[in-house]
PDB file of N, CA and C in Angstrom:
ATOM      1  N   MET A   1       3.419  -2.114  24.478  1.00  0.00           N
ATOM      2  CA  MET A   1       3.203  -0.599  24.560  1.00  0.00           C
ATOM      3  C   MET A   1       2.457  -0.495  22.926  1.00  0.00           C
ATOM      4  N   GLU A   2       1.384   0.350  22.710  1.00  0.00           N
ATOM      5  CA  GLU A   2       0.604   0.688  21.712  1.00  0.00           C
ATOM      6  C   GLU A   2       1.421   1.784  21.029  1.00  0.00           C
ATOM      7  N   THR A   3       1.619   1.357  19.511  1.00  0.00           N
ATOM      8  CA  THR A   3       2.168   2.394  18.857  1.00  0.00           C
ATOM      9  C   THR A   3       1.367   3.820  18.629  1.00  0.00           C
ATOM     10  N   ARG A   4       1.840   4.983  18.872  1.00  0.00           N
ATOM     11  CA  ARG A   4       1.346   6.393  18.846  1.00  0.00           C
ATOM     12  C   ARG A   4       1.173   6.960  17.381  1.00  0.00           C
ATOM     13  N   LYS A   5       0.215   7.538  17.182  1.00  0.00           N
ATOM     14  CA  LYS A   5       0.471   8.563  16.061  1.00  0.00           C
ATOM     15  C   LYS A   5       1.605   9.409  16.130  1.00  0.00           C
ATOM     16  N   ASN A   6       1.477  10.222  16.961  1.00  0.00           N
ATOM     17  CA  ASN A   6       2.329  11.190  17.263  1.00  0.00           C
ATOM     18  C   ASN A   6       3.577  11.175  17.952  1.00  0.00           C
ATOM     19  N   SER A   7       3.895  10.016  18.012  1.00  0.00           N
ATOM     20  CA  SER A   7       5.235   9.482  18.451  1.00  0.00           C
ATOM     21  C   SER A   7       6.704  10.320  17.913  1.00  0.00           C
ATOM     22  N   THR A   8       7.436  10.657  18.518  1.00  0.00           N
ATOM     23  CA  THR A   8       8.527  11.187  17.997  1.00  0.00           C
ATOM     24  C   THR A   8       9.707   9.985  17.677  1.00  0.00           C
ATOM     25  N   CYS A   9       9.367   8.820  17.915  1.00  0.00           N
ATOM     26  CA  CYS A   9      10.286   7.950  17.645  1.00  0.00           C
ATOM     27  C   CYS A   9       9.812   7.370  16.099  1.00  0.00           C
ATOM     28  N   PRO A  10      11.120   7.338  15.158  1.00  0.00           N
ATOM     29  CA  PRO A  10      10.973   7.290  13.606  1.00  0.00           C
ATOM     30  C   PRO A  10      10.179   6.087  13.609  1.00  0.00           C
ATOM     31  N   VAL A  11      10.752   4.796  14.191  1.00  0.00           N
ATOM     32  CA  VAL A  11      10.413   3.376  14.306  1.00  0.00           C
ATOM     33  C   VAL A  11       9.125   3.641  14.592  1.00  0.00           C
ATOM     34  N   GLU A  12       8.601   4.004  15.814  1.00  0.00           N
ATOM     35  CA  GLU A  12       7.340   3.538  16.065  1.00  0.00           C
ATOM     36  C   GLU A  12       6.254   4.529  14.942  1.00  0.00           C
ATOM     37  N   ARG A  13       6.769   5.565  14.772  1.00  0.00           N
ATOM     38  CA  ARG A  13       5.602   6.579  13.752  1.00  0.00           C
ATOM     39  C   ARG A  13       5.733   5.702  12.434  1.00  0.00           C
ATOM     40  N   THR A  14       7.000   5.144  11.903  1.00  0.00           N
ATOM     41  CA  THR A  14       6.559   4.613  10.604  1.00  0.00           C
ATOM     42  C   THR A  14       5.878   3.177  10.522  1.00  0.00           C
ATOM     43  N   LEU A  15       5.975   2.269  12.067  1.00  0.00           N
ATOM     44  CA  LEU A  15       5.126   1.395  12.210  1.00  0.00           C
ATOM     45  C   LEU A  15       3.660   1.470  12.195  1.00  0.00           C
ATOM     46  N   TYR A  16       3.398   2.945  12.874  1.00  0.00           N
ATOM     47  CA  TYR A  16       1.985   3.525  12.583  1.00  0.00           C
ATOM     48  C   TYR A  16       1.270   3.698  11.468  1.00  0.00           C
ATOM     49  N   ILE A  17       2.070   4.077  10.537  1.00  0.00           N
ATOM     50  CA  ILE A  17       1.716   4.243   9.140  1.00  0.00           C
ATOM     51  C   ILE A  17       1.734   2.907   8.410  1.00  0.00           C
ATOM     52  N   LEU A  18       2.601   2.051   8.493  1.00  0.00           N
ATOM     53  CA  LEU A  18       2.886   0.678   7.986  1.00  0.00           C
ATOM     54  C   LEU A  18       2.403  -0.426   8.495  1.00  0.00           C
ATOM     55  N   ARG A  19       1.470  -0.331   9.248  1.00  0.00           N
ATOM     56  CA  ARG A  19       0.913  -1.295  10.636  1.00  0.00           C
ATOM     57  C   ARG A  19       0.223  -2.815  10.163  1.00  0.00           C
ATOM     58  N   ASP A  20       0.022  -2.760   8.969  1.00  0.00           N
ATOM     59  CA  ASP A  20      -0.579  -4.248   8.500  1.00  0.00           C
ATOM     60  C   ASP A  20      -0.280  -4.737   7.166  1.00  0.00           C
ATOM     61  N   VAL A  21      -0.440  -5.826   6.889  1.00  0.00           N
ATOM     62  CA  VAL A  21      -0.254  -6.834   5.762  1.00  0.00           C
ATOM     63  C   VAL A  21      -1.125  -5.854   4.392  1.00  0.00           C
ATOM     64  N   TRP A  22      -2.330  -5.368   4.713  1.00  0.00           N
ATOM     65  CA  TRP A  22      -3.096  -4.701   3.679  1.00  0.00           C
ATOM     66  C   TRP A  22      -2.612  -3.497   3.119  1.00  0.00           C
ATOM     67  N   THR A  23      -1.870  -2.496   4.010  1.00  0.00           N
ATOM     68  CA  THR A  23      -0.992  -1.750   3.486  1.00  0.00           C
ATOM     69  C   THR A  23       0.243  -1.747   2.708  1.00  0.00           C
ATOM     70  N   PHE A  24       0.945  -3.231   2.938  1.00  0.00           N
ATOM     71  CA  PHE A  24       2.401  -3.525   2.215  1.00  0.00           C
ATOM     72  C   PHE A  24       1.756  -3.915   1.110  1.00  0.00           C
ATOM     73  N   MET A  25       0.453  -4.886   0.939  1.00  0.00           N
ATOM     74  CA  MET A  25       0.144  -5.306  -0.584  1.00  0.00           C
ATOM     75  C   MET A  25      -0.310  -3.713  -1.413  1.00  0.00           C
ATOM     76  N   ILE A  26      -1.037  -3.010  -1.010  1.00  0.00           N
ATOM     77  CA  ILE A  26      -1.306  -1.893  -1.426  1.00  0.00           C
ATOM     78  C   ILE A  26      -0.043  -1.056  -1.938  1.00  0.00           C
ATOM     79  N   LEU A  27       0.983  -1.126  -0.964  1.00  0.00           N
ATOM     80  CA  LEU A  27       2.345  -0.599  -1.719  1.00  0.00           C
ATOM     81  C   LEU A  27       2.734  -1.442  -2.723  1.00  0.00           C
ATOM     82  N   ARG A  28       2.679  -2.684  -2.502  1.00  0.00           N
ATOM     83  CA  ARG A  28       3.218  -3.438  -3.800  1.00  0.00           C
ATOM     84  C   ARG A  28       2.641  -3.334  -5.052  1.00  0.00           C
ATOM     85  N   ASP A  29       1.191  -3.307  -4.738  1.00  0.00           N
ATOM     86  CA  ASP A  29       0.536  -3.233  -6.104  1.00  0.00           C
ATOM     87  C   ASP A  29       0.350  -1.849  -6.977  1.00  0.00           C
ATOM     88  N   LEU A  30       0.794  -0.863  -5.964  1.00  0.00           N
ATOM     89  CA  LEU A  30       0.592   0.386  -6.589  1.00  0.00           C
ATOM     90  C   LEU A  30       2.153   1.092  -7.173  1.00  0.00           C
ATOM     91  N   GLU A  31       3.264   0.057  -6.953  1.00  0.00           N
ATOM     92  CA  GLU A  31       4.527   0.456  -6.978  1.00  0.00           C
ATOM     93  C   GLU A  31       4.716   0.570  -8.687  1.00  0.00           C
ATOM     94  N   PRO A  32       4.314  -0.446  -9.320  1.00  0.00           N
ATOM     95  CA  PRO A  32       4.740  -0.154 -10.733  1.00  0.00           C
ATOM     96  C   PRO A  32       3.683   0.833 -11.501  1.00  0.00           C
ATOM     97  N   GLU A  33       2.427   0.793 -10.988  1.00  0.00           N
ATOM     98  CA  GLU A  33       1.669   1.917 -11.886  1.00  0.00           C
ATOM     99  C   GLU A  33       0.557   2.296 -11.060  1.00  0.00           C
ATOM    100  N   SER A  34      -0.188   3.249 -11.414  1.00  0.00           N
ATOM    101  CA  SER A  34      -1.673   3.788 -10.799  1.00  0.00           C
ATOM    102  C   SER A  34      -2.485   2.710 -11.201  1.00  0.00           C
ATOM    103  N   LYS A  35      -3.574   2.734 -10.268  1.00  0.00           N
ATOM    104  CA  LYS A  35      -4.868   1.580 -10.340  1.00  0.00           C
ATOM    105  C   LYS A  35      -5.855   2.242  -9.802  1.00  0.00           C
ATOM    106  N   GLY A  36      -7.100   1.877 -10.338  1.00  0.00           N
ATOM    107  CA  GLY A  36      -8.198   2.279  -9.819  1.00  0.00           C
ATOM    108  C   GLY A  36      -8.823   1.298  -8.521  1.00  0.00           C
ATOM    109  N   PHE A  37      -9.610   1.678  -8.104  1.00  0.00           N
ATOM    110  CA  PHE A  37     -10.274   1.043  -6.730  1.00  0.00           C
ATOM    111  C   PHE A  37     -10.394  -0.403  -7.033  1.00  0.00           C
ATOM    112  N   ASN A  38     -11.238  -0.620  -8.124  1.00  0.00           N
ATOM    113  CA  ASN A  38     -11.564  -2.080  -8.641  1.00  0.00           C
ATOM    114  C   ASN A  38     -10.402  -3.007  -8.847  1.00  0.00           C
ATOM    115  N   GLN A  39      -9.550  -2.377  -9.659  1.00  0.00           N
ATOM    116  CA  GLN A  39      -8.121  -3.031  -9.996  1.00  0.00           C
ATOM    117  C   GLN A  39      -7.488  -3.240  -8.855  1.00  0.00           C
ATOM    118  N   LEU A  40      -7.492  -2.454  -7.678  1.00  0.00           N
ATOM    119  CA  LEU A  40      -6.631  -2.788  -6.590  1.00  0.00           C
ATOM    120  C   LEU A  40      -7.496  -4.080  -5.930  1.00  0.00           C
ATOM    121  N   LYS A  41      -9.016  -3.875  -5.904  1.00  0.00           N
ATOM    122  CA  LYS A  41      -9.676  -4.686  -5.212  1.00  0.00           C
ATOM    123  C   LYS A  41      -9.322  -6.162  -5.664  1.00  0.00           C
ATOM    124  N   LYS A  42      -9.144  -6.022  -6.706  1.00  0.00           N
ATOM    125  CA  LYS A  42      -8.925  -7.675  -7.460  1.00  0.00           C
ATOM    126  C   LYS A  42      -7.308  -8.148  -6.912  1.00  0.00           C
ATOM    127  N   SER A  43      -6.504  -7.130  -6.780  1.00  0.00           N
ATOM    128  CA  SER A  43      -5.273  -7.518  -6.931  1.00  0.00           C
ATOM    129  C   SER A  43      -4.636  -7.836  -5.253  1.00  0.00           C
ATOM    130  N   VAL A  44      -5.696  -7.118  -4.455  1.00  0.00           N
ATOM    131  CA  VAL A  44      -5.099  -7.305  -2.758  1.00  0.00           C
ATOM    132  C   VAL A  44      -6.320  -8.389  -2.430  1.00  0.00           C
ATOM    133  N   GLU A  45      -5.903  -9.762  -2.763  1.00  0.00           N
ATOM    134  CA  GLU A  45      -6.782 -10.834  -2.493  1.00  0.00           C
ATOM    135  C   GLU A  45      -7.026 -10.757  -0.906  1.00  0.00           C
ATOM    136  N   GLY A  46      -8.477 -10.873  -0.803  1.00  0.00           N
ATOM    137  CA  GLY A  46      -8.870 -11.162   0.481  1.00  0.00           C
ATOM    138  C   GLY A  46      -9.546  -9.634   1.369  1.00  0.00           C
ATOM    139  N   ILE A  47      -9.168  -8.534   0.410  1.00  0.00           N
ATOM    140  CA  ILE A  47      -9.411  -7.301   1.184  1.00  0.00           C
ATOM    141  C   ILE A  47     -11.051  -6.973   1.052  1.00  0.00           C
ATOM    142  N   SER A  48     -11.752  -6.473   2.110  1.00  0.00           N
ATOM    143  CA  SER A  48     -12.996  -6.037   1.546  1.00  0.00           C
ATOM    144  C   SER A  48     -13.231  -4.893   1.161  1.00  0.00           C
ATOM    145  N   SER A  49     -14.028  -4.557   0.453  1.00  0.00           N
ATOM    146  CA  SER A  49     -14.206  -3.118  -0.051  1.00  0.00           C
ATOM    147  C   SER A  49     -14.234  -1.839   0.661  1.00  0.00           C
ATOM    148  N   ARG A  50     -14.837  -2.380   1.952  1.00  0.00           N
ATOM    149  CA  ARG A  50     -14.725  -1.180   3.216  1.00  0.00           C
ATOM    150  C   ARG A  50     -13.167  -0.874   3.761  1.00  0.00           C
ATOM    151  N   MET A  51     -12.516  -2.073   3.908  1.00  0.00           N
ATOM    152  CA  MET A  51     -11.239  -2.263   4.435  1.00  0.00           C
ATOM    153  C   MET A  51     -10.425  -1.408   3.249  1.00  0.00           C
ATOM    154  N   LEU A  52     -10.177  -1.847   2.203  1.00  0.00           N
ATOM    155  CA  LEU A  52      -9.570  -1.169   1.115  1.00  0.00           C
ATOM    156  C   LEU A  52      -9.759   0.345   0.863  1.00  0.00           C
ATOM    157  N   SER A  53     -11.171   0.870   1.158  1.00  0.00           N
ATOM    158  CA  SER A  53     -11.468   2.315   1.012  1.00  0.00           C
ATOM    159  C   SER A  53     -10.639   3.005   2.366  1.00  0.00           C
ATOM    160  N   GLU A  54     -10.616   2.188   3.429  1.00  0.00           N
ATOM    161  CA  GLU A  54     -10.313   2.738   4.693  1.00  0.00           C
ATOM    162  C   GLU A  54      -8.665   2.870   4.854  1.00  0.00           C
ATOM    163  N   LYS A  55      -8.183   1.963   4.038  1.00  0.00           N
ATOM    164  CA  LYS A  55      -6.440   1.881   3.742  1.00  0.00           C
ATOM    165  C   LYS A  55      -6.421   3.187   2.928  1.00  0.00           C
ATOM    166  N   LEU A  56      -7.105   3.222   1.692  1.00  0.00           N
ATOM    167  CA  LEU A  56      -6.794   4.190   0.631  1.00  0.00           C
ATOM    168  C   LEU A  56      -6.673   5.764   1.363  1.00  0.00           C
ATOM    169  N   LYS A  57      -7.808   5.785   2.342  1.00  0.00           N
ATOM    170  CA  LYS A  57      -8.131   6.996   2.711  1.00  0.00           C
ATOM    171  C   LYS A  57      -6.900   7.788   3.635  1.00  0.00           C
ATOM    172  N   PHE A  58      -6.504   6.474   4.520  1.00  0.00           N
ATOM    173  CA  PHE A  58      -5.564   6.548   5.487  1.00  0.00           C
ATOM    174  C   PHE A  58      -4.039   7.021   4.868  1.00  0.00           C
ATOM    175  N   LEU A  59      -3.763   6.025   3.807  1.00  0.00           N
ATOM    176  CA  LEU A  59      -2.395   6.495   3.291  1.00  0.00           C
ATOM    177  C   LEU A  59      -2.569   7.996   2.291  1.00  0.00           C
ATOM    178  N   GLU A  60      -3.727   8.314   1.926  1.00  0.00           N
ATOM    179  CA  GLU A  60      -3.714   9.445   1.118  1.00  0.00           C
ATOM    180  C   GLU A  60      -3.578  10.489   2.200  1.00  0.00           C
ATOM    181  N   GLU A  61      -3.959  10.382   3.643  1.00  0.00           N
ATOM    182  CA  GLU A  61      -4.106  11.404   4.346  1.00  0.00           C
ATOM    183  C   GLU A  61      -2.715  11.369   4.853  1.00  0.00           C
ATOM    184  N   GLU A  62      -1.822  10.138   5.091  1.00  0.00           N
ATOM    185  CA  GLU A  62      -0.436  10.190   5.502  1.00  0.00           C
ATOM    186  C   GLU A  62       0.422  10.578   4.505  1.00  0.00           C
ATOM    187  N   GLY A  63      -0.010  10.978   3.171  1.00  0.00           N
ATOM    188  CA  GLY A  63       1.006  11.584   2.139  1.00  0.00           C
ATOM    189  C   GLY A  63       1.834  10.298   1.247  1.00  0.00           C
ATOM    190  N   ILE A  64       1.337   9.182   1.519  1.00  0.00           N
ATOM    191  CA  ILE A  64       1.778   8.035   0.863  1.00  0.00           C
ATOM    192  C   ILE A  64       1.259   7.574  -0.631  1.00  0.00           C
ATOM    193  N   LEU A  65       0.073   8.202  -0.775  1.00  0.00           N
ATOM    194  CA  LEU A  65      -0.093   7.862  -1.944  1.00  0.00           C
ATOM    195  C   LEU A  65      -1.464   9.165  -2.539  1.00  0.00           C
ATOM    196  N   SER A  66      -1.433   9.453  -3.648  1.00  0.00           N
ATOM    197  CA  SER A  66      -2.044  10.451  -4.431  1.00  0.00           C
ATOM    198  C   SER A  66      -3.454   9.781  -4.641  1.00  0.00           C
ATOM    199  N   ARG A  67      -4.507  10.738  -4.497  1.00  0.00           N
ATOM    200  CA  ARG A  67      -5.865  10.183  -5.563  1.00  0.00           C
ATOM    201  C   ARG A  67      -6.154  11.292  -6.461  1.00  0.00           C
ATOM    202  N   THR A  68      -6.399  10.706  -7.643  1.00  0.00           N
ATOM    203  CA  THR A  68      -6.932  11.366  -8.902  1.00  0.00           C
ATOM    204  C   THR A  68      -8.062  11.004  -9.274  1.00  0.00           C
ATOM    205  N   VAL A  69      -9.207  12.269  -9.336  1.00  0.00           N
ATOM    206  CA  VAL A  69     -10.513  12.036 -10.055  1.00  0.00           C
ATOM    207  C   VAL A  69     -10.437  12.521 -11.405  1.00  0.00           C
ATOM    208  N   SER A  70     -11.176  11.831 -12.545  1.00  0.00           N
ATOM    209  CA  SER A  70     -11.097  12.444 -13.658  1.00  0.00           C
ATOM    210  C   SER A  70     -12.213  12.965 -13.809  1.00  0.00           C
ATOM    211  N   ASP A  71     -12.551  13.878 -14.878  1.00  0.00           N
ATOM    212  CA  ASP A  71     -13.702  14.597 -15.260  1.00  0.00           C
ATOM    213  C   ASP A  71     -14.568  13.891 -16.081  1.00  0.00           C
ATOM    214  N   SER A  72     -13.894  12.792 -16.564  1.00  0.00           N
ATOM    215  CA  SER A  72     -14.932  11.701 -17.546  1.00  0.00           C
ATOM    216  C   SER A  72     -16.150  11.416 -16.787  1.00  0.00           C
ATOM    217  N   ARG A  73     -16.933  10.727 -17.668  1.00  0.00           N
ATOM    218  CA  ARG A  73     -18.303  10.144 -17.453  1.00  0.00           C
ATOM    219  C   ARG A  73     -18.087   8.709 -17.830  1.00  0.00           C
ATOM    220  N   PRO A  74     -18.099   7.519 -16.793  1.00  0.00           N
ATOM    221  CA  PRO A  74     -18.201   7.645 -15.828  1.00  0.00           C
ATOM    222  C   PRO A  74     -17.038   8.028 -14.819  1.00  0.00           C
ATOM    223  N   VAL A  75     -17.116   9.084 -13.688  1.00  0.00           N
ATOM    224  CA  VAL A  75     -15.853   9.428 -12.919  1.00  0.00           C
ATOM    225  C   VAL A  75     -15.230   8.449 -12.582  1.00  0.00           C
ATOM    226  N   ARG A  76     -13.722   8.440 -12.888  1.00  0.00           N
ATOM    227  CA  ARG A  76     -12.935   7.399 -12.535  1.00  0.00           C
ATOM    228  C   ARG A  76     -12.020   7.890 -11.474  1.00  0.00           C
ATOM    229  N   VAL A  77     -11.652   7.135 -10.465  1.00  0.00           N
ATOM    230  CA  VAL A  77     -10.602   7.622  -9.386  1.00  0.00           C
ATOM    231  C   VAL A  77      -9.593   6.327  -9.544  1.00  0.00           C
ATOM    232  N   THR A  78      -8.193   7.178  -9.309  1.00  0.00           N
ATOM    233  CA  THR A  78      -7.068   6.595  -9.804  1.00  0.00           C
ATOM    234  C   THR A  78      -6.063   6.927  -8.310  1.00  0.00           C
ATOM    235  N   TYR A  79      -5.321   5.735  -8.050  1.00  0.00           N
ATOM    236  CA  TYR A  79      -4.247   6.022  -6.788  1.00  0.00           C
ATOM    237  C   TYR A  79      -2.970   5.712  -7.208  1.00  0.00           C
ATOM    238  N   ALA A  80      -2.011   6.112  -6.923  1.00  0.00           N
ATOM    239  CA  ALA A  80      -0.951   6.232  -7.261  1.00  0.00           C
ATOM    240  C   ALA A  80      -0.033   6.438  -6.371  1.00  0.00           C
ATOM    241  N   LEU A  81       1.310   6.032  -5.850  1.00  0.00           N
ATOM    242  CA  LEU A  81       2.330   6.288  -5.180  1.00  0.00           C
ATOM    243  C   LEU A  81       2.899   7.832  -5.104  1.00  0.00           C
ATOM    244  N   SER A  82       2.787   8.749  -4.241  1.00  0.00           N
ATOM    245  CA  SER A  82       3.365   9.904  -4.036  1.00  0.00           C
ATOM    246  C   SER A  82       4.979   9.640  -3.900  1.00  0.00           C
ATOM    247  N   GLU A  83       5.896  10.546  -4.085  1.00  0.00           N
ATOM    248  CA  GLU A  83       7.126  10.882  -3.905  1.00  0.00           C
ATOM    249  C   GLU A  83       7.481   9.891  -2.601  1.00  0.00           C
ATOM    250  N   LYS A  84       6.887  10.493  -1.571  1.00  0.00           N
ATOM    251  CA  LYS A  84       6.878   9.908  -0.154  1.00  0.00           C
ATOM    252  C   LYS A  84       6.448   8.435  -0.563  1.00  0.00           C
ATOM    253  N   GLY A  85       5.674   7.689  -0.817  1.00  0.00           N
ATOM    254  CA  GLY A  85       5.137   6.602  -1.014  1.00  0.00           C
ATOM    255  C   GLY A  85       6.203   5.751  -2.166  1.00  0.00           C
ATOM    256  N   LYS A  86       6.846   6.268  -2.798  1.00  0.00           N
ATOM    257  CA  LYS A  86       7.536   5.682  -3.768  1.00  0.00           C
ATOM    258  C   LYS A  86       8.585   5.370  -2.829  1.00  0.00           C
ATOM    259  N   SER A  87       9.288   6.193  -2.209  1.00  0.00           N
ATOM    260  CA  SER A  87      10.574   6.039  -1.168  1.00  0.00           C
ATOM    261  C   SER A  87      10.541   4.627  -0.639  1.00  0.00           C
ATOM    262  N   LEU A  88       9.185   3.991  -0.412  1.00  0.00           N
ATOM    263  CA  LEU A  88       8.948   2.830   0.250  1.00  0.00           C
ATOM    264  C   LEU A  88       9.289   1.723  -0.446  1.00  0.00           C
ATOM    265  N   SER A  89       9.632   1.643  -1.857  1.00  0.00           N
ATOM    266  CA  SER A  89       9.713   0.793  -2.577  1.00  0.00           C
ATOM    267  C   SER A  89      10.835  -0.143  -1.934  1.00  0.00           C
ATOM    268  N   ALA A  90      11.504   0.658  -1.587  1.00  0.00           N
ATOM    269  CA  ALA A  90      12.986  -0.220  -1.229  1.00  0.00           C
ATOM    270  C   ALA A  90      12.728  -1.028   0.075  1.00  0.00           C
ATOM    271  N   VAL A  91      11.782  -0.427   0.843  1.00  0.00           N
ATOM    272  CA  VAL A  91      11.208  -1.451   1.867  1.00  0.00           C
ATOM    273  C   VAL A  91      10.508  -2.560   1.691  1.00  0.00           C
ATOM    274  N   VAL A  92       9.709  -2.412   0.579  1.00  0.00           N
ATOM    275  CA  VAL A  92       8.666  -3.481  -0.114  1.00  0.00           C
ATOM    276  C   VAL A  92       9.837  -4.414  -0.733  1.00  0.00           C
ATOM    277  N   GLU A  93      10.878  -3.921  -1.710  1.00  0.00           N
ATOM    278  CA  GLU A  93      11.886  -4.810  -2.149  1.00  0.00           C
ATOM    279  C   GLU A  93      12.682  -5.649  -1.081  1.00  0.00           C
ATOM    280  N   SER A  94      13.042  -5.227   0.006  1.00  0.00           N
ATOM    281  CA  SER A  94      13.788  -5.673   0.870  1.00  0.00           C
ATOM    282  C   SER A  94      12.805  -7.047   1.804  1.00  0.00           C
ATOM    283  N   MET A  95      11.552  -6.484   1.692  1.00  0.00           N
ATOM    284  CA  MET A  95      10.779  -7.560   2.208  1.00  0.00           C
ATOM    285  C   MET A  95      10.634  -9.065   1.025  1.00  0.00           C
ATOM    286  N   ARG A  96      10.926  -8.630  -0.045  1.00  0.00           N
ATOM    287  CA  ARG A  96      10.518  -9.402  -1.181  1.00  0.00           C
ATOM    288  C   ARG A  96      11.792 -10.414  -1.373  1.00  0.00           C
ATOM    289  N   HIS A  97      12.982  -9.681  -1.132  1.00  0.00           N
ATOM    290  CA  HIS A  97      14.264 -10.253  -0.905  1.00  0.00           C
ATOM    291  C   HIS A  97      14.483 -11.263   0.078  1.00  0.00           C
ATOM    292  N   TRP A  98      13.932 -10.752   1.380  1.00  0.00           N
ATOM    293  CA  TRP A  98      14.259 -11.702   2.483  1.00  0.00           C
ATOM    294  C   TRP A  98      13.034 -12.702   2.372  1.00  0.00           C
ATOM    295  N   GLY A  99      12.011 -12.537   2.040  1.00  0.00           N
ATOM    296  CA  GLY A  99      11.120 -13.643   1.578  1.00  0.00           C
ATOM    297  C   GLY A  99      11.672 -14.868   0.742  1.00  0.00           C
ATOM    298  N   ASP A 100      12.250 -14.346  -0.216  1.00  0.00           N
ATOM    299  CA  ASP A 100      12.756 -15.142  -1.150  1.00  0.00           C
ATOM    300  C   ASP A 100      14.002 -15.902  -0.638  1.00  0.00           C
ATOM    301  N   MET A 101      14.654 -15.471   0.125  1.00  0.00           N
ATOM    302  CA  MET A 101      16.178 -16.418   0.924  1.00  0.00           C
ATOM    303  C   MET A 101      15.441 -17.034   1.744  1.00  0.00           C
ATOM    304  N   TRP A 102      14.637 -16.975   2.749  1.00  0.00           N
ATOM    305  CA  TRP A 102      14.255 -17.581   4.114  1.00  0.00           C
ATOM    306  C   TRP A 102      12.975 -18.229   4.205  1.00  0.00           C
ATOM    307  N   ILE A 103      11.832 -18.015   3.289  1.00  0.00           N
ATOM    308  CA  ILE A 103      10.479 -18.474   2.914  1.00  0.00           C
ATOM    309  C   ILE A 103      10.555 -19.325   2.034  1.00  0.00           C
ATOM    310  N   SER A 104      10.366 -20.789   2.309  1.00  0.00           N
ATOM    311  CA  SER A 104      10.562 -21.440   0.867  1.00  0.00           C
ATOM    312  C   SER A 104       9.001 -21.863   0.440  1.00  0.00           C
ATOM    313  N   THR A 105       8.229 -20.972  -0.463  1.00  0.00           N
ATOM    314  CA  THR A 105       7.225 -20.904  -0.885  1.00  0.00           C
ATOM    315  C   THR A 105       7.524 -20.496  -2.322  1.00  0.00           C
ATOM    316  N   SER A 106       6.232 -20.936  -3.192  1.00  0.00           N
ATOM    317  CA  SER A 106       6.275 -20.544  -4.705  1.00  0.00           C
ATOM    318  C   SER A 106       5.741 -19.139  -4.711  1.00  0.00           C
ATOM    319  N   ARG A 107       5.869 -18.407  -5.772  1.00  0.00           N
ATOM    320  CA  ARG A 107       5.572 -17.065  -5.839  1.00  0.00           C
ATOM    321  C   ARG A 107       4.218 -16.927  -6.537  1.00  0.00           C
ATOM    322  N   GLU A 108       3.510 -18.037  -6.826  1.00  0.00           N
ATOM    323  CA  GLU A 108       2.325 -18.093  -7.579  1.00  0.00           C
ATOM    324  C   GLU A 108       1.132 -17.213  -7.069  1.00  0.00           C
ATOM    325  N   ASN A 109       1.029 -16.632  -5.504  1.00  0.00           N
ATOM    326  CA  ASN A 109      -0.035 -15.737  -5.165  1.00  0.00           C
ATOM    327  C   ASN A 109       0.759 -14.196  -5.035  1.00  0.00           C
ATOM    328  N   CYS A 110       2.163 -14.253  -5.724  1.00  0.00           N
ATOM    329  CA  CYS A 110       2.607 -12.848  -5.535  1.00  0.00           C
ATOM    330  C   CYS A 110       2.610 -12.131  -6.740  1.00  0.00           C
ATOM    331  N   ASP A 111       1.785 -11.307  -7.162  1.00  0.00           N
ATOM    332  CA  ASP A 111       1.960 -10.395  -8.289  1.00  0.00           C
ATOM    333  C   ASP A 111       3.145  -9.937  -8.689  1.00  0.00           C
ATOM    334  N   ASN A 112       3.544  -9.460  -7.982  1.00  0.00           N
ATOM    335  CA  ASN A 112       5.150  -8.454  -8.012  1.00  0.00           C
ATOM    336  C   ASN A 112       6.387  -9.130  -7.563  1.00  0.00           C
TER     337      ASN A 112
END
């Protein structure tokens, strides 16, 4: 069954929003502090600029993160977790904890 955007099932709707590894990596990297596009591009290893742009736009539309544009020159855009997004920190932390317990690998590629 394909996950539907307008599902009334909380699990299905959550999966629709948090559906891929890129989303979780963005959440992980924005959890401690806001970041600009280029900072995220560097920290989310392997993501293309186009994919990062699409994910950021989607997460903003879903209310998971906020986008702030500065009035300075050059214009600076930063992304931060909204209150809704911050509430997902426990989910990311649970995944980190599970991985530490059950997946025997080094954390050298994990920034957080």
